[in-house]
Amino acid sequence: MNAELIQIPNRILEVALGALIQANHHAVFYDQYSSGWPETAVLSTATAAELVLKAIVAKEHPLLIFRDLFDLENPLHEEITVERLIERGRTYGLEHMPKLLWVTTGERIPDQKLFEKLRLTRNSIQHFCAPTNVGDLRDLARQFIYKNIDPLLKRHFSICAIEYHQDHDIGYDYIVDCLVRNELLFSIPDNFSIGEVDLRESLAETSSEYQHQLTEKLKENGYKLSDFMK
Protein backbone atom coordinates (compact mmCIF):
# COMPACT_ATOMS: atom_id res chain seq x y z
CA MET A 1 0.00 0.00 0.00
CA ASN A 2 1.12 3.54 -0.73
CA ALA A 3 3.03 4.80 2.32
CA GLU A 4 0.99 8.01 2.26
CA LEU A 5 -2.25 6.07 2.61
CA ILE A 6 -0.98 4.27 5.68
CA GLN A 7 -0.77 7.63 7.45
CA ILE A 8 -4.44 8.50 6.82
CA PRO A 9 -5.84 7.04 10.09
CA ASN A 10 -3.33 9.00 12.19
CA ARG A 11 -3.96 12.18 10.24
CA ILE A 12 -7.70 11.83 10.79
CA LEU A 13 -7.23 11.04 14.47
CA GLU A 14 -5.08 14.13 14.98
CA VAL A 15 -7.87 16.38 13.72
CA ALA A 16 -10.45 14.39 15.71
CA LEU A 17 -8.55 15.07 18.93
CA GLY A 18 -8.43 18.77 18.12
CA ALA A 19 -12.22 18.75 17.81
CA LEU A 20 -12.46 16.78 21.07
CA ILE A 21 -10.47 19.47 22.89
CA GLN A 22 -13.04 22.03 21.79
CA ALA A 23 -15.93 19.71 22.61
CA ASN A 24 -14.67 19.00 26.13
CA HIS A 25 -14.12 22.69 26.80
CA HIS A 26 -17.54 23.86 25.67
CA ALA A 27 -19.39 20.90 27.19
CA VAL A 28 -17.78 21.14 30.63
CA PHE A 29 -16.95 24.77 31.26
CA TYR A 30 -19.30 27.73 31.31
CA ASP A 31 -18.74 31.37 30.41
CA GLN A 32 -21.70 33.67 30.91
CA TYR A 33 -20.14 36.22 28.60
CA SER A 34 -19.72 33.85 25.66
CA SER A 35 -22.85 33.04 23.70
CA GLY A 36 -23.22 29.92 21.61
CA TRP A 37 -21.15 27.59 23.80
CA PRO A 38 -23.90 24.94 24.12
CA GLU A 39 -24.39 24.85 20.35
CA THR A 40 -20.63 24.81 19.78
CA ALA A 41 -20.34 21.88 22.19
CA VAL A 42 -22.74 19.85 20.03
CA LEU A 43 -21.04 20.81 16.75
CA SER A 44 -17.54 20.03 18.05
CA THR A 45 -18.73 16.75 19.55
CA ALA A 46 -20.32 15.67 16.27
CA THR A 47 -17.14 16.56 14.36
CA ALA A 48 -15.01 14.62 16.82
CA ALA A 49 -17.36 11.63 16.59
CA GLU A 50 -17.32 11.53 12.80
CA LEU A 51 -13.54 11.74 12.64
CA VAL A 52 -12.91 9.20 15.41
CA LEU A 53 -15.17 6.72 13.63
CA LYS A 54 -13.43 7.41 10.32
CA ALA A 55 -10.03 6.87 11.93
CA ILE A 56 -11.18 3.50 13.28
CA VAL A 57 -12.53 2.40 9.89
CA ALA A 58 -9.44 3.72 8.10
CA LYS A 59 -7.27 1.50 10.32
CA GLU A 60 -8.92 -1.47 8.57
CA HIS A 61 -8.11 0.11 5.21
CA PRO A 62 -7.72 3.84 4.46
CA LEU A 63 -9.94 3.72 1.37
CA LEU A 64 -12.96 2.26 3.16
CA ILE A 65 -14.08 5.71 4.30
CA PHE A 66 -14.56 6.84 0.69
CA ARG A 67 -17.97 6.45 -0.92
CA ASP A 68 -16.76 6.97 -4.53
CA LEU A 69 -13.85 4.57 -4.84
CA PHE A 70 -14.49 3.71 -8.49
CA ASP A 71 -14.44 7.38 -9.44
CA LEU A 72 -10.95 7.68 -8.02
CA GLU A 73 -9.45 5.49 -10.73
CA ASN A 74 -6.67 7.24 -12.62
CA PRO A 75 -6.69 6.54 -16.39
CA LEU A 76 -2.90 6.66 -16.33
CA HIS A 77 -2.91 3.81 -13.78
CA GLU A 78 -0.91 5.86 -11.30
CA GLU A 79 -1.08 5.16 -7.59
CA ILE A 80 -3.80 6.86 -5.57
CA THR A 81 -2.22 9.66 -3.57
CA VAL A 82 -3.49 11.62 -0.58
CA GLU A 83 -3.58 14.71 -2.79
CA ARG A 84 -5.86 12.95 -5.27
CA LEU A 85 -8.12 11.77 -2.46
CA ILE A 86 -8.37 15.31 -1.08
CA GLU A 87 -9.11 16.67 -4.53
CA ARG A 88 -11.53 14.01 -5.81
CA GLY A 89 -12.64 11.80 -2.93
CA ARG A 90 -15.93 11.99 -1.05
CA THR A 91 -16.09 10.33 2.34
CA TYR A 92 -19.12 8.97 4.13
CA GLY A 93 -20.94 11.41 6.40
CA LEU A 94 -21.65 11.16 10.10
CA GLU A 95 -25.00 9.45 9.54
CA HIS A 96 -23.30 6.53 7.75
CA MET A 97 -20.52 5.93 10.24
CA PRO A 98 -22.22 3.52 12.71
CA LYS A 99 -23.12 1.14 9.88
CA LEU A 100 -19.69 1.51 8.31
CA LEU A 101 -18.11 0.76 11.68
CA TRP A 102 -20.16 -2.40 11.96
CA VAL A 103 -19.49 -3.55 8.38
CA THR A 104 -15.73 -3.07 8.66
CA THR A 105 -15.07 -4.10 12.27
CA GLY A 106 -18.17 -6.00 13.42
CA GLU A 107 -18.51 -3.49 16.25
CA ARG A 108 -21.58 -1.47 17.17
CA ILE A 109 -21.41 2.11 18.39
CA PRO A 110 -21.92 1.95 22.17
CA ASP A 111 -25.10 4.06 22.39
CA GLN A 112 -26.95 4.23 19.07
CA LYS A 113 -29.96 6.07 20.48
CA LEU A 114 -27.73 8.83 21.81
CA PHE A 115 -25.93 8.93 18.48
CA GLU A 116 -29.18 9.63 16.64
CA LYS A 117 -30.13 12.34 19.11
CA LEU A 118 -26.80 14.10 18.69
CA ARG A 119 -26.84 13.71 14.92
CA LEU A 120 -30.29 15.25 14.52
CA THR A 121 -29.44 18.05 16.95
CA ARG A 122 -26.20 18.76 15.08
CA ASN A 123 -28.10 18.94 11.79
CA SER A 124 -30.63 21.35 13.24
CA ILE A 125 -27.96 23.66 14.67
CA GLN A 126 -25.77 23.51 11.58
CA HIS A 127 -28.50 24.19 9.04
CA PHE A 128 -30.98 26.33 10.94
CA CYS A 129 -30.97 26.79 14.72
CA ALA A 130 -30.87 24.85 17.96
CA PRO A 131 -33.97 22.72 18.62
CA THR A 132 -36.02 23.45 21.72
CA ASN A 133 -37.00 19.89 22.62
CA VAL A 134 -33.65 18.24 23.40
CA GLY A 135 -32.92 19.81 26.78
CA ASP A 136 -29.46 20.88 27.89
CA LEU A 137 -27.17 20.88 24.85
CA ARG A 138 -24.01 20.82 26.94
CA ASP A 139 -25.30 17.78 28.78
CA LEU A 140 -26.07 16.09 25.46
CA ALA A 141 -22.49 16.73 24.32
CA ARG A 142 -21.04 15.42 27.61
CA GLN A 143 -23.21 12.32 27.50
CA PHE A 144 -22.15 11.60 23.93
CA ILE A 145 -18.44 12.17 24.51
CA TYR A 146 -18.24 9.83 27.48
CA LYS A 147 -20.72 7.17 26.38
CA ASN A 148 -19.58 6.92 22.75
CA ILE A 149 -16.37 8.73 21.86
CA ASP A 150 -14.39 7.93 25.02
CA PRO A 151 -14.88 4.14 25.01
CA LEU A 152 -14.10 3.97 21.28
CA LEU A 153 -10.91 6.00 21.70
CA LYS A 154 -9.81 3.84 24.61
CA ARG A 155 -10.54 0.57 22.82
CA HIS A 156 -8.95 1.42 19.49
CA PHE A 157 -6.22 3.95 20.31
CA SER A 158 -5.61 3.64 24.09
CA ILE A 159 -6.64 7.28 24.44
CA CYS A 160 -8.69 8.75 27.32
CA ALA A 161 -10.99 11.63 26.43
CA ILE A 162 -10.44 13.53 29.70
CA GLU A 163 -6.83 14.19 28.68
CA TYR A 164 -7.91 16.38 25.75
CA HIS A 165 -8.80 19.80 27.10
CA GLN A 166 -7.69 23.45 27.13
CA ASP A 167 -6.82 23.81 30.82
CA HIS A 168 -3.07 23.32 30.60
CA ASP A 169 -2.38 24.74 34.07
CA ILE A 170 -4.66 22.45 36.08
CA GLY A 171 -5.30 19.54 33.74
CA TYR A 172 -8.45 17.45 33.68
CA ASP A 173 -9.43 18.01 37.34
CA TYR A 174 -12.55 20.05 36.64
CA ILE A 175 -13.56 17.78 33.78
CA VAL A 176 -13.50 14.84 36.21
CA ASP A 177 -15.45 16.88 38.78
CA CYS A 178 -18.13 17.73 36.19
CA LEU A 179 -18.40 14.14 34.96
CA VAL A 180 -18.70 12.71 38.47
CA ARG A 181 -21.34 15.22 39.49
CA ASN A 182 -23.30 14.25 36.38
CA GLU A 183 -22.75 10.53 37.04
CA LEU A 184 -20.78 9.83 33.90
CA LEU A 185 -18.08 7.16 33.82
CA PHE A 186 -14.86 7.83 31.93
CA SER A 187 -11.71 6.02 30.86
CA ILE A 188 -8.92 6.22 33.45
CA PRO A 189 -5.51 7.25 32.08
CA ASP A 190 -2.18 5.97 33.34
CA ASN A 191 -0.87 8.01 36.27
CA PHE A 192 -4.37 9.30 36.94
CA SER A 193 -4.13 12.24 39.32
CA ILE A 194 -6.36 15.10 40.44
CA GLY A 195 -5.24 17.75 42.90
CA GLU A 196 -7.75 20.57 42.61
CA VAL A 197 -10.93 18.65 43.42
CA ASP A 198 -12.00 16.30 46.19
CA LEU A 199 -13.98 13.32 44.93
CA ARG A 200 -15.79 13.20 48.27
CA GLU A 201 -17.40 16.54 47.43
CA SER A 202 -17.97 15.61 43.79
CA LEU A 203 -19.73 12.39 44.81
CA ALA A 204 -21.79 13.95 47.61
CA GLU A 205 -25.11 14.00 45.73
CA THR A 206 -24.56 11.08 43.37
CA SER A 207 -26.38 7.76 43.59
CA SER A 208 -24.94 4.79 45.45
CA GLU A 209 -25.04 2.85 42.17
CA TYR A 210 -22.81 5.39 40.45
CA GLN A 211 -20.44 5.50 43.42
CA HIS A 212 -20.10 1.73 43.20
CA GLN A 213 -19.50 1.87 39.43
CA LEU A 214 -16.81 4.54 39.80
CA THR A 215 -15.16 2.62 42.63
CA GLU A 216 -15.00 -0.49 40.45
CA LYS A 217 -13.70 1.51 37.49
CA LEU A 218 -10.89 2.93 39.60
CA LYS A 219 -10.13 -0.49 41.06
CA GLU A 220 -9.79 -1.96 37.57
CA ASN A 221 -7.06 0.58 36.93
CA GLY A 222 -5.23 0.05 40.21
CA TYR A 223 -6.69 2.92 42.26
CA LYS A 224 -8.88 3.31 45.32
CA LEU A 225 -11.58 5.94 45.68
CA SER A 226 -9.96 7.10 48.89
CA ASP A 227 -6.83 8.03 46.90
CA PHE A 228 -8.69 11.06 45.58
CA MET A 229 -10.43 12.22 48.74
CA LYS A 230 -8.82 14.96 50.78
C-alpha atoms as a PDB file:
ATOM      1  CA  MET A   1       0.000   0.000   0.000  1.00  0.00           C
ATOM      2  CA  ASN A   2       1.124   3.545  -0.730  1.00  0.00           C
ATOM      3  CA  ALA A   3       3.026   4.803   2.323  1.00  0.00           C
ATOM      4  CA  GLU A   4       0.985   8.014   2.257  1.00  0.00           C
ATOM      5  CA  LEU A   5      -2.254   6.067   2.611  1.00  0.00           C
ATOM      6  CA  ILE A   6      -0.983   4.269   5.682  1.00  0.00           C
ATOM      7  CA  GLN A   7      -0.768   7.628   7.450  1.00  0.00           C
ATOM      8  CA  ILE A   8      -4.436   8.496   6.816  1.00  0.00           C
ATOM      9  CA  PRO A   9      -5.840   7.039  10.086  1.00  0.00           C
ATOM     10  CA  ASN A  10      -3.332   8.996  12.186  1.00  0.00           C
ATOM     11  CA  ARG A  11      -3.961  12.185  10.244  1.00  0.00           C
ATOM     12  CA  ILE A  12      -7.702  11.832  10.785  1.00  0.00           C
ATOM     13  CA  LEU A  13      -7.226  11.041  14.471  1.00  0.00           C
ATOM     14  CA  GLU A  14      -5.078  14.133  14.983  1.00  0.00           C
ATOM     15  CA  VAL A  15      -7.874  16.377  13.718  1.00  0.00           C
ATOM     16  CA  ALA A  16     -10.447  14.389  15.708  1.00  0.00           C
ATOM     17  CA  LEU A  17      -8.552  15.066  18.929  1.00  0.00           C
ATOM     18  CA  GLY A  18      -8.429  18.767  18.117  1.00  0.00           C
ATOM     19  CA  ALA A  19     -12.217  18.745  17.812  1.00  0.00           C
ATOM     20  CA  LEU A  20     -12.455  16.783  21.071  1.00  0.00           C
ATOM     21  CA  ILE A  21     -10.465  19.468  22.894  1.00  0.00           C
ATOM     22  CA  GLN A  22     -13.038  22.034  21.786  1.00  0.00           C
ATOM     23  CA  ALA A  23     -15.929  19.708  22.612  1.00  0.00           C
ATOM     24  CA  ASN A  24     -14.667  19.001  26.129  1.00  0.00           C
ATOM     25  CA  HIS A  25     -14.116  22.688  26.801  1.00  0.00           C
ATOM     26  CA  HIS A  26     -17.536  23.860  25.671  1.00  0.00           C
ATOM     27  CA  ALA A  27     -19.388  20.897  27.188  1.00  0.00           C
ATOM     28  CA  VAL A  28     -17.780  21.140  30.625  1.00  0.00           C
ATOM     29  CA  PHE A  29     -16.951  24.767  31.262  1.00  0.00           C
ATOM     30  CA  TYR A  30     -19.300  27.728  31.308  1.00  0.00           C
ATOM     31  CA  ASP A  31     -18.738  31.367  30.414  1.00  0.00           C
ATOM     32  CA  GLN A  32     -21.702  33.668  30.913  1.00  0.00           C
ATOM     33  CA  TYR A  33     -20.135  36.218  28.600  1.00  0.00           C
ATOM     34  CA  SER A  34     -19.720  33.855  25.659  1.00  0.00           C
ATOM     35  CA  SER A  35     -22.852  33.042  23.702  1.00  0.00           C
ATOM     36  CA  GLY A  36     -23.215  29.918  21.607  1.00  0.00           C
ATOM     37  CA  TRP A  37     -21.153  27.590  23.800  1.00  0.00           C
ATOM     38  CA  PRO A  38     -23.897  24.936  24.119  1.00  0.00           C
ATOM     39  CA  GLU A  39     -24.388  24.852  20.353  1.00  0.00           C
ATOM     40  CA  THR A  40     -20.629  24.809  19.783  1.00  0.00           C
ATOM     41  CA  ALA A  41     -20.338  21.877  22.191  1.00  0.00           C
ATOM     42  CA  VAL A  42     -22.736  19.850  20.031  1.00  0.00           C
ATOM     43  CA  LEU A  43     -21.044  20.815  16.752  1.00  0.00           C
ATOM     44  CA  SER A  44     -17.542  20.029  18.046  1.00  0.00           C
ATOM     45  CA  THR A  45     -18.725  16.750  19.549  1.00  0.00           C
ATOM     46  CA  ALA A  46     -20.317  15.674  16.272  1.00  0.00           C
ATOM     47  CA  THR A  47     -17.144  16.557  14.364  1.00  0.00           C
ATOM     48  CA  ALA A  48     -15.008  14.616  16.816  1.00  0.00           C
ATOM     49  CA  ALA A  49     -17.364  11.628  16.588  1.00  0.00           C
ATOM     50  CA  GLU A  50     -17.317  11.528  12.800  1.00  0.00           C
ATOM     51  CA  LEU A  51     -13.538  11.740  12.642  1.00  0.00           C
ATOM     52  CA  VAL A  52     -12.911   9.199  15.413  1.00  0.00           C
ATOM     53  CA  LEU A  53     -15.174   6.720  13.634  1.00  0.00           C
ATOM     54  CA  LYS A  54     -13.429   7.406  10.321  1.00  0.00           C
ATOM     55  CA  ALA A  55     -10.031   6.872  11.934  1.00  0.00           C
ATOM     56  CA  ILE A  56     -11.179   3.496  13.278  1.00  0.00           C
ATOM     57  CA  VAL A  57     -12.527   2.404   9.890  1.00  0.00           C
ATOM     58  CA  ALA A  58      -9.440   3.719   8.102  1.00  0.00           C
ATOM     59  CA  LYS A  59      -7.271   1.497  10.316  1.00  0.00           C
ATOM     60  CA  GLU A  60      -8.920  -1.467   8.572  1.00  0.00           C
ATOM     61  CA  HIS A  61      -8.112   0.108   5.208  1.00  0.00           C
ATOM     62  CA  PRO A  62      -7.721   3.844   4.463  1.00  0.00           C
ATOM     63  CA  LEU A  63      -9.938   3.718   1.371  1.00  0.00           C
ATOM     64  CA  LEU A  64     -12.961   2.256   3.159  1.00  0.00           C
ATOM     65  CA  ILE A  65     -14.078   5.710   4.299  1.00  0.00           C
ATOM     66  CA  PHE A  66     -14.564   6.842   0.686  1.00  0.00           C
ATOM     67  CA  ARG A  67     -17.965   6.448  -0.925  1.00  0.00           C
ATOM     68  CA  ASP A  68     -16.763   6.966  -4.529  1.00  0.00           C
ATOM     69  CA  LEU A  69     -13.847   4.568  -4.840  1.00  0.00           C
ATOM     70  CA  PHE A  70     -14.493   3.714  -8.486  1.00  0.00           C
ATOM     71  CA  ASP A  71     -14.444   7.381  -9.444  1.00  0.00           C
ATOM     72  CA  LEU A  72     -10.947   7.683  -8.022  1.00  0.00           C
ATOM     73  CA  GLU A  73      -9.446   5.486 -10.733  1.00  0.00           C
ATOM     74  CA  ASN A  74      -6.672   7.236 -12.616  1.00  0.00           C
ATOM     75  CA  PRO A  75      -6.688   6.543 -16.393  1.00  0.00           C
ATOM     76  CA  LEU A  76      -2.903   6.664 -16.328  1.00  0.00           C
ATOM     77  CA  HIS A  77      -2.910   3.807 -13.784  1.00  0.00           C
ATOM     78  CA  GLU A  78      -0.910   5.862 -11.303  1.00  0.00           C
ATOM     79  CA  GLU A  79      -1.083   5.160  -7.585  1.00  0.00           C
ATOM     80  CA  ILE A  80      -3.802   6.861  -5.571  1.00  0.00           C
ATOM     81  CA  THR A  81      -2.219   9.663  -3.566  1.00  0.00           C
ATOM     82  CA  VAL A  82      -3.487  11.625  -0.580  1.00  0.00           C
ATOM     83  CA  GLU A  83      -3.578  14.713  -2.785  1.00  0.00           C
ATOM     84  CA  ARG A  84      -5.859  12.948  -5.274  1.00  0.00           C
ATOM     85  CA  LEU A  85      -8.116  11.773  -2.456  1.00  0.00           C
ATOM     86  CA  ILE A  86      -8.368  15.308  -1.085  1.00  0.00           C
ATOM     87  CA  GLU A  87      -9.113  16.668  -4.534  1.00  0.00           C
ATOM     88  CA  ARG A  88     -11.526  14.005  -5.811  1.00  0.00           C
ATOM     89  CA  GLY A  89     -12.636  11.804  -2.931  1.00  0.00           C
ATOM     90  CA  ARG A  90     -15.930  11.988  -1.045  1.00  0.00           C
ATOM     91  CA  THR A  91     -16.086  10.331   2.336  1.00  0.00           C
ATOM     92  CA  TYR A  92     -19.121   8.966   4.131  1.00  0.00           C
ATOM     93  CA  GLY A  93     -20.940  11.406   6.404  1.00  0.00           C
ATOM     94  CA  LEU A  94     -21.650  11.158  10.105  1.00  0.00           C
ATOM     95  CA  GLU A  95     -25.004   9.450   9.540  1.00  0.00           C
ATOM     96  CA  HIS A  96     -23.301   6.532   7.754  1.00  0.00           C
ATOM     97  CA  MET A  97     -20.515   5.931  10.243  1.00  0.00           C
ATOM     98  CA  PRO A  98     -22.216   3.525  12.715  1.00  0.00           C
ATOM     99  CA  LYS A  99     -23.119   1.136   9.878  1.00  0.00           C
ATOM    100  CA  LEU A 100     -19.692   1.511   8.306  1.00  0.00           C
ATOM    101  CA  LEU A 101     -18.107   0.761  11.678  1.00  0.00           C
ATOM    102  CA  TRP A 102     -20.162  -2.401  11.962  1.00  0.00           C
ATOM    103  CA  VAL A 103     -19.489  -3.548   8.382  1.00  0.00           C
ATOM    104  CA  THR A 104     -15.731  -3.066   8.662  1.00  0.00           C
ATOM    105  CA  THR A 105     -15.071  -4.098  12.267  1.00  0.00           C
ATOM    106  CA  GLY A 106     -18.166  -6.005  13.417  1.00  0.00           C
ATOM    107  CA  GLU A 107     -18.509  -3.492  16.252  1.00  0.00           C
ATOM    108  CA  ARG A 108     -21.583  -1.469  17.174  1.00  0.00           C
ATOM    109  CA  ILE A 109     -21.412   2.106  18.385  1.00  0.00           C
ATOM    110  CA  PRO A 110     -21.921   1.946  22.174  1.00  0.00           C
ATOM    111  CA  ASP A 111     -25.104   4.063  22.386  1.00  0.00           C
ATOM    112  CA  GLN A 112     -26.947   4.225  19.067  1.00  0.00           C
ATOM    113  CA  LYS A 113     -29.961   6.074  20.482  1.00  0.00           C
ATOM    114  CA  LEU A 114     -27.729   8.832  21.813  1.00  0.00           C
ATOM    115  CA  PHE A 115     -25.933   8.930  18.477  1.00  0.00           C
ATOM    116  CA  GLU A 116     -29.184   9.629  16.642  1.00  0.00           C
ATOM    117  CA  LYS A 117     -30.134  12.343  19.108  1.00  0.00           C
ATOM    118  CA  LEU A 118     -26.802  14.101  18.695  1.00  0.00           C
ATOM    119  CA  ARG A 119     -26.837  13.713  14.917  1.00  0.00           C
ATOM    120  CA  LEU A 120     -30.294  15.255  14.523  1.00  0.00           C
ATOM    121  CA  THR A 121     -29.443  18.052  16.946  1.00  0.00           C
ATOM    122  CA  ARG A 122     -26.203  18.764  15.083  1.00  0.00           C
ATOM    123  CA  ASN A 123     -28.096  18.939  11.786  1.00  0.00           C
ATOM    124  CA  SER A 124     -30.629  21.346  13.239  1.00  0.00           C
ATOM    125  CA  ILE A 125     -27.957  23.660  14.668  1.00  0.00           C
ATOM    126  CA  GLN A 126     -25.768  23.508  11.577  1.00  0.00           C
ATOM    127  CA  HIS A 127     -28.504  24.195   9.045  1.00  0.00           C
ATOM    128  CA  PHE A 128     -30.980  26.326  10.942  1.00  0.00           C
ATOM    129  CA  CYS A 129     -30.974  26.789  14.719  1.00  0.00           C
ATOM    130  CA  ALA A 130     -30.872  24.849  17.963  1.00  0.00           C
ATOM    131  CA  PRO A 131     -33.973  22.720  18.617  1.00  0.00           C
ATOM    132  CA  THR A 132     -36.017  23.451  21.724  1.00  0.00           C
ATOM    133  CA  ASN A 133     -37.002  19.891  22.618  1.00  0.00           C
ATOM    134  CA  VAL A 134     -33.653  18.241  23.400  1.00  0.00           C
ATOM    135  CA  GLY A 135     -32.918  19.805  26.785  1.00  0.00           C
ATOM    136  CA  ASP A 136     -29.456  20.876  27.892  1.00  0.00           C
ATOM    137  CA  LEU A 137     -27.167  20.885  24.848  1.00  0.00           C
ATOM    138  CA  ARG A 138     -24.008  20.823  26.939  1.00  0.00           C
ATOM    139  CA  ASP A 139     -25.299  17.776  28.785  1.00  0.00           C
ATOM    140  CA  LEU A 140     -26.074  16.093  25.457  1.00  0.00           C
ATOM    141  CA  ALA A 141     -22.488  16.726  24.323  1.00  0.00           C
ATOM    142  CA  ARG A 142     -21.041  15.421  27.607  1.00  0.00           C
ATOM    143  CA  GLN A 143     -23.206  12.320  27.497  1.00  0.00           C
ATOM    144  CA  PHE A 144     -22.147  11.598  23.928  1.00  0.00           C
ATOM    145  CA  ILE A 145     -18.436  12.166  24.506  1.00  0.00           C
ATOM    146  CA  TYR A 146     -18.243   9.832  27.479  1.00  0.00           C
ATOM    147  CA  LYS A 147     -20.715   7.169  26.377  1.00  0.00           C
ATOM    148  CA  ASN A 148     -19.580   6.921  22.751  1.00  0.00           C
ATOM    149  CA  ILE A 149     -16.367   8.730  21.863  1.00  0.00           C
ATOM    150  CA  ASP A 150     -14.391   7.932  25.024  1.00  0.00           C
ATOM    151  CA  PRO A 151     -14.883   4.135  25.007  1.00  0.00           C
ATOM    152  CA  LEU A 152     -14.104   3.975  21.278  1.00  0.00           C
ATOM    153  CA  LEU A 153     -10.912   6.004  21.699  1.00  0.00           C
ATOM    154  CA  LYS A 154      -9.812   3.836  24.608  1.00  0.00           C
ATOM    155  CA  ARG A 155     -10.539   0.567  22.817  1.00  0.00           C
ATOM    156  CA  HIS A 156      -8.946   1.423  19.486  1.00  0.00           C
ATOM    157  CA  PHE A 157      -6.220   3.953  20.307  1.00  0.00           C
ATOM    158  CA  SER A 158      -5.605   3.638  24.094  1.00  0.00           C
ATOM    159  CA  ILE A 159      -6.640   7.282  24.440  1.00  0.00           C
ATOM    160  CA  CYS A 160      -8.686   8.745  27.315  1.00  0.00           C
ATOM    161  CA  ALA A 161     -10.991  11.631  26.430  1.00  0.00           C
ATOM    162  CA  ILE A 162     -10.436  13.535  29.699  1.00  0.00           C
ATOM    163  CA  GLU A 163      -6.830  14.193  28.677  1.00  0.00           C
ATOM    164  CA  TYR A 164      -7.912  16.377  25.752  1.00  0.00           C
ATOM    165  CA  HIS A 165      -8.801  19.800  27.101  1.00  0.00           C
ATOM    166  CA  GLN A 166      -7.692  23.445  27.130  1.00  0.00           C
ATOM    167  CA  ASP A 167      -6.824  23.807  30.821  1.00  0.00           C
ATOM    168  CA  HIS A 168      -3.068  23.321  30.602  1.00  0.00           C
ATOM    169  CA  ASP A 169      -2.375  24.738  34.071  1.00  0.00           C
ATOM    170  CA  ILE A 170      -4.662  22.446  36.075  1.00  0.00           C
ATOM    171  CA  GLY A 171      -5.302  19.545  33.741  1.00  0.00           C
ATOM    172  CA  TYR A 172      -8.447  17.451  33.685  1.00  0.00           C
ATOM    173  CA  ASP A 173      -9.433  18.012  37.339  1.00  0.00           C
ATOM    174  CA  TYR A 174     -12.547  20.054  36.636  1.00  0.00           C
ATOM    175  CA  ILE A 175     -13.559  17.778  33.778  1.00  0.00           C
ATOM    176  CA  VAL A 176     -13.502  14.841  36.206  1.00  0.00           C
ATOM    177  CA  ASP A 177     -15.447  16.881  38.779  1.00  0.00           C
ATOM    178  CA  CYS A 178     -18.130  17.727  36.195  1.00  0.00           C
ATOM    179  CA  LEU A 179     -18.397  14.138  34.964  1.00  0.00           C
ATOM    180  CA  VAL A 180     -18.695  12.714  38.467  1.00  0.00           C
ATOM    181  CA  ARG A 181     -21.341  15.224  39.494  1.00  0.00           C
ATOM    182  CA  ASN A 182     -23.297  14.246  36.380  1.00  0.00           C
ATOM    183  CA  GLU A 183     -22.751  10.526  37.042  1.00  0.00           C
ATOM    184  CA  LEU A 184     -20.776   9.831  33.899  1.00  0.00           C
ATOM    185  CA  LEU A 185     -18.075   7.164  33.823  1.00  0.00           C
ATOM    186  CA  PHE A 186     -14.855   7.829  31.930  1.00  0.00           C
ATOM    187  CA  SER A 187     -11.708   6.022  30.857  1.00  0.00           C
ATOM    188  CA  ILE A 188      -8.921   6.216  33.447  1.00  0.00           C
ATOM    189  CA  PRO A 189      -5.513   7.248  32.079  1.00  0.00           C
ATOM    190  CA  ASP A 190      -2.175   5.967  33.337  1.00  0.00           C
ATOM    191  CA  ASN A 191      -0.865   8.009  36.267  1.00  0.00           C
ATOM    192  CA  PHE A 192      -4.372   9.300  36.942  1.00  0.00           C
ATOM    193  CA  SER A 193      -4.128  12.244  39.324  1.00  0.00           C
ATOM    194  CA  ILE A 194      -6.361  15.099  40.442  1.00  0.00           C
ATOM    195  CA  GLY A 195      -5.235  17.751  42.901  1.00  0.00           C
ATOM    196  CA  GLU A 196      -7.749  20.567  42.609  1.00  0.00           C
ATOM    197  CA  VAL A 197     -10.929  18.653  43.424  1.00  0.00           C
ATOM    198  CA  ASP A 198     -11.997  16.297  46.189  1.00  0.00           C
ATOM    199  CA  LEU A 199     -13.985  13.319  44.930  1.00  0.00           C
ATOM    200  CA  ARG A 200     -15.788  13.199  48.265  1.00  0.00           C
ATOM    201  CA  GLU A 201     -17.400  16.540  47.429  1.00  0.00           C
ATOM    202  CA  SER A 202     -17.970  15.615  43.794  1.00  0.00           C
ATOM    203  CA  LEU A 203     -19.731  12.394  44.811  1.00  0.00           C
ATOM    204  CA  ALA A 204     -21.794  13.951  47.608  1.00  0.00           C
ATOM    205  CA  GLU A 205     -25.105  14.000  45.735  1.00  0.00           C
ATOM    206  CA  THR A 206     -24.560  11.081  43.367  1.00  0.00           C
ATOM    207  CA  SER A 207     -26.379   7.755  43.586  1.00  0.00           C
ATOM    208  CA  SER A 208     -24.942   4.786  45.452  1.00  0.00           C
ATOM    209  CA  GLU A 209     -25.036   2.851  42.169  1.00  0.00           C
ATOM    210  CA  TYR A 210     -22.807   5.395  40.450  1.00  0.00           C
ATOM    211  CA  GLN A 211     -20.437   5.502  43.420  1.00  0.00           C
ATOM    212  CA  HIS A 212     -20.097   1.730  43.197  1.00  0.00           C
ATOM    213  CA  GLN A 213     -19.495   1.870  39.435  1.00  0.00           C
ATOM    214  CA  LEU A 214     -16.811   4.543  39.796  1.00  0.00           C
ATOM    215  CA  THR A 215     -15.159   2.623  42.630  1.00  0.00           C
ATOM    216  CA  GLU A 216     -15.005  -0.495  40.454  1.00  0.00           C
ATOM    217  CA  LYS A 217     -13.704   1.508  37.487  1.00  0.00           C
ATOM    218  CA  LEU A 218     -10.888   2.934  39.597  1.00  0.00           C
ATOM    219  CA  LYS A 219     -10.130  -0.492  41.065  1.00  0.00           C
ATOM    220  CA  GLU A 220      -9.792  -1.963  37.572  1.00  0.00           C
ATOM    221  CA  ASN A 221      -7.057   0.584  36.934  1.00  0.00           C
ATOM    222  CA  GLY A 222      -5.232   0.046  40.214  1.00  0.00           C
ATOM    223  CA  TYR A 223      -6.687   2.919  42.262  1.00  0.00           C
ATOM    224  CA  LYS A 224      -8.884   3.311  45.320  1.00  0.00           C
ATOM    225  CA  LEU A 225     -11.585   5.941  45.680  1.00  0.00           C
ATOM    226  CA  SER A 226      -9.959   7.104  48.886  1.00  0.00           C
ATOM    227  CA  ASP A 227      -6.828   8.027  46.899  1.00  0.00           C
ATOM    228  CA  PHE A 228      -8.687  11.057  45.583  1.00  0.00           C
ATOM    229  CA  MET A 229     -10.429  12.219  48.740  1.00  0.00           C
ATOM    230  CA  LYS A 230      -8.818  14.960  50.784  1.00  0.00           C
END
